[in-house]
């Protein structure tokens, strides 16, 4: 189960090995222990570019998810890509009075659930279901941030 982590930030404030361990635990909990995915940690400019190219929105955002098919990278059970703008998440955490590491993992789980088919934009029930699943999964990995 390869978990690919890429970053274009130097130095990257997120430890890749810890991130891989947490993602592996989340995937096992979701019954997808053999699945793989890519996580890209980037900045606001790259996120704005992706948001424009893929969604026609000319602004940065905290997280984007791009579900993929089994054809991606020639691998079976490839879930897709989760992209996070670390500067965006850090600013948002400061503005909201939240711990940046908590908000980072909140958005990581949120993006992962999108790859698994959750879509909070389908209405209040879908929003509540995704919110509850996010809280449950965060509780599993909260032990050491």
Protein backbone atom coordinates (compact mmCIF):
# COMPACT_ATOMS: atom_id res chain seq x y z
CA UNK A 1 0.00 0.00 0.00
CA UNK A 2 2.07 2.93 -1.18
CA UNK A 3 1.21 6.31 0.25
CA UNK A 4 2.95 8.92 -1.83
CA UNK A 5 3.75 12.23 -0.16
CA UNK A 6 5.11 15.11 -2.14
CA UNK A 7 5.82 18.62 -1.01
CA UNK A 8 7.15 21.72 -2.66
CA UNK A 9 7.79 23.51 0.62
CA UNK A 10 11.20 23.82 2.20
CA UNK A 11 11.49 23.04 4.94
CA UNK A 12 8.28 21.07 5.11
CA UNK A 13 6.79 21.38 8.62
CA UNK A 14 4.98 18.04 8.35
CA UNK A 15 6.94 14.85 8.98
CA UNK A 16 6.38 12.44 6.10
CA UNK A 17 6.85 9.22 8.09
CA UNK A 18 4.34 10.28 10.77
CA UNK A 19 1.90 11.36 8.07
CA UNK A 20 2.25 7.98 6.30
CA UNK A 21 1.61 6.08 9.54
CA UNK A 22 -1.52 8.08 10.27
CA UNK A 23 -2.83 7.69 6.73
CA UNK A 24 -2.18 3.95 6.84
CA UNK A 25 -4.16 3.71 10.08
CA UNK A 26 -7.03 5.71 8.60
CA UNK A 27 -7.11 3.54 5.49
CA UNK A 28 -7.19 0.35 7.58
CA UNK A 29 -10.01 1.80 9.67
CA UNK A 30 -11.94 2.58 6.49
CA UNK A 31 -11.48 -0.98 5.24
CA UNK A 32 -9.08 0.13 2.49
CA UNK A 33 -5.77 -0.95 4.01
CA UNK A 34 -4.44 -2.04 0.61
CA UNK A 35 -5.32 1.23 -1.11
CA UNK A 36 -2.86 3.90 -2.13
CA UNK A 37 -3.08 7.63 -2.57
CA UNK A 38 -0.97 10.73 -3.06
CA UNK A 39 -0.80 13.70 -0.71
CA UNK A 40 0.68 16.94 -2.02
CA UNK A 41 1.64 19.61 0.51
CA UNK A 42 1.94 22.93 -1.24
CA UNK A 43 1.52 26.70 -1.02
CA UNK A 44 -1.27 29.12 -1.87
CA UNK A 45 -0.08 29.92 -5.39
CA UNK A 46 0.08 26.28 -6.46
CA UNK A 47 -3.29 25.63 -4.81
CA UNK A 48 -4.82 28.62 -6.60
CA UNK A 49 -3.51 27.27 -9.90
CA UNK A 50 -4.97 23.81 -9.25
CA UNK A 51 -8.28 25.28 -8.13
CA UNK A 52 -8.45 27.34 -11.32
CA UNK A 53 -7.37 24.51 -13.64
CA UNK A 54 -9.62 21.84 -12.14
CA UNK A 55 -12.57 23.83 -10.76
CA UNK A 56 -12.50 27.24 -12.53
CA UNK A 57 -12.16 29.02 -9.17
CA UNK A 58 -9.46 31.68 -9.14
CA UNK A 59 -8.51 31.49 -5.48
CA UNK A 60 -6.52 29.36 -3.10
CA UNK A 61 -8.23 27.02 -0.67
CA UNK A 62 -7.32 24.72 2.22
CA UNK A 63 -7.79 21.28 0.63
CA UNK A 64 -8.68 19.77 -2.74
CA UNK A 65 -9.38 16.11 -3.51
CA UNK A 66 -9.12 14.46 -6.87
CA UNK A 67 -10.55 10.92 -6.90
CA UNK A 68 -8.96 8.71 -9.50
CA UNK A 69 -9.42 5.38 -11.19
CA UNK A 70 -7.52 2.13 -10.92
CA UNK A 71 -5.61 3.16 -14.01
CA UNK A 72 -3.70 5.87 -12.16
CA UNK A 73 -0.01 5.12 -11.86
CA UNK A 74 -0.79 1.64 -13.16
CA UNK A 75 -1.96 0.55 -9.71
CA UNK A 76 -5.05 -1.23 -8.51
CA UNK A 77 -7.02 0.46 -5.77
CA UNK A 78 -5.53 3.92 -6.24
CA UNK A 79 -7.85 6.34 -4.43
CA UNK A 80 -6.54 9.60 -5.88
CA UNK A 81 -4.88 12.78 -4.65
CA UNK A 82 -5.34 15.06 -1.67
CA UNK A 83 -3.72 18.50 -1.94
CA UNK A 84 -3.28 20.80 1.06
CA UNK A 85 -2.04 24.39 1.17
CA UNK A 86 -0.09 24.56 4.41
CA UNK A 87 0.10 28.39 4.51
CA UNK A 88 -3.67 28.56 3.99
CA UNK A 89 -4.32 26.06 6.79
CA UNK A 90 -1.91 27.89 9.12
CA UNK A 91 -3.61 31.26 8.46
CA UNK A 92 -7.06 29.75 8.90
CA UNK A 93 -6.03 28.12 12.20
CA UNK A 94 -4.69 31.44 13.52
CA UNK A 95 -7.82 33.31 12.44
CA UNK A 96 -10.10 30.73 14.07
CA UNK A 97 -8.00 30.21 17.20
CA UNK A 98 -7.35 26.55 16.39
CA UNK A 99 -4.25 24.41 16.64
CA UNK A 100 -2.68 24.32 13.15
CA UNK A 101 -1.81 20.61 13.39
CA UNK A 102 -5.41 19.75 14.31
CA UNK A 103 -6.77 21.74 11.38
CA UNK A 104 -4.22 20.15 9.03
CA UNK A 105 -5.38 16.65 9.98
CA UNK A 106 -9.02 17.73 9.88
CA UNK A 107 -8.59 18.76 6.25
CA UNK A 108 -6.52 15.68 5.45
CA UNK A 109 -9.32 13.43 6.76
CA UNK A 110 -11.90 15.58 4.97
CA UNK A 111 -10.02 15.15 1.68
CA UNK A 112 -9.56 11.42 2.25
CA UNK A 113 -13.28 10.99 2.81
CA UNK A 114 -13.95 12.78 -0.49
CA UNK A 115 -11.71 10.21 -2.19
CA UNK A 116 -13.83 7.51 -0.56
CA UNK A 117 -17.02 8.96 -2.02
CA UNK A 118 -18.30 11.22 0.76
CA UNK A 119 -19.72 14.51 -0.54
CA UNK A 120 -20.95 17.03 2.02
CA UNK A 121 -22.32 19.22 -0.79
CA UNK A 122 -25.19 16.77 -1.40
CA UNK A 123 -27.22 18.19 1.47
CA UNK A 124 -27.56 18.36 5.24
CA UNK A 125 -27.63 14.58 5.80
CA UNK A 126 -24.48 14.06 3.73
CA UNK A 127 -22.82 16.97 5.53
CA UNK A 128 -23.69 15.53 8.95
CA UNK A 129 -22.52 12.03 7.95
CA UNK A 130 -19.17 13.33 6.68
CA UNK A 131 -18.75 15.53 9.75
CA UNK A 132 -19.40 12.58 12.10
CA UNK A 133 -17.00 10.32 10.21
CA UNK A 134 -14.34 13.05 10.25
CA UNK A 135 -14.66 13.41 14.03
CA UNK A 136 -14.47 9.63 14.52
CA UNK A 137 -11.35 9.29 12.38
CA UNK A 138 -9.62 12.28 13.95
CA UNK A 139 -10.09 10.71 17.37
CA UNK A 140 -8.12 7.66 16.17
CA UNK A 141 -5.02 9.62 15.21
CA UNK A 142 -5.14 12.45 17.73
CA UNK A 143 -2.88 10.71 20.23
CA UNK A 144 0.40 12.27 19.12
CA UNK A 145 0.14 15.51 17.27
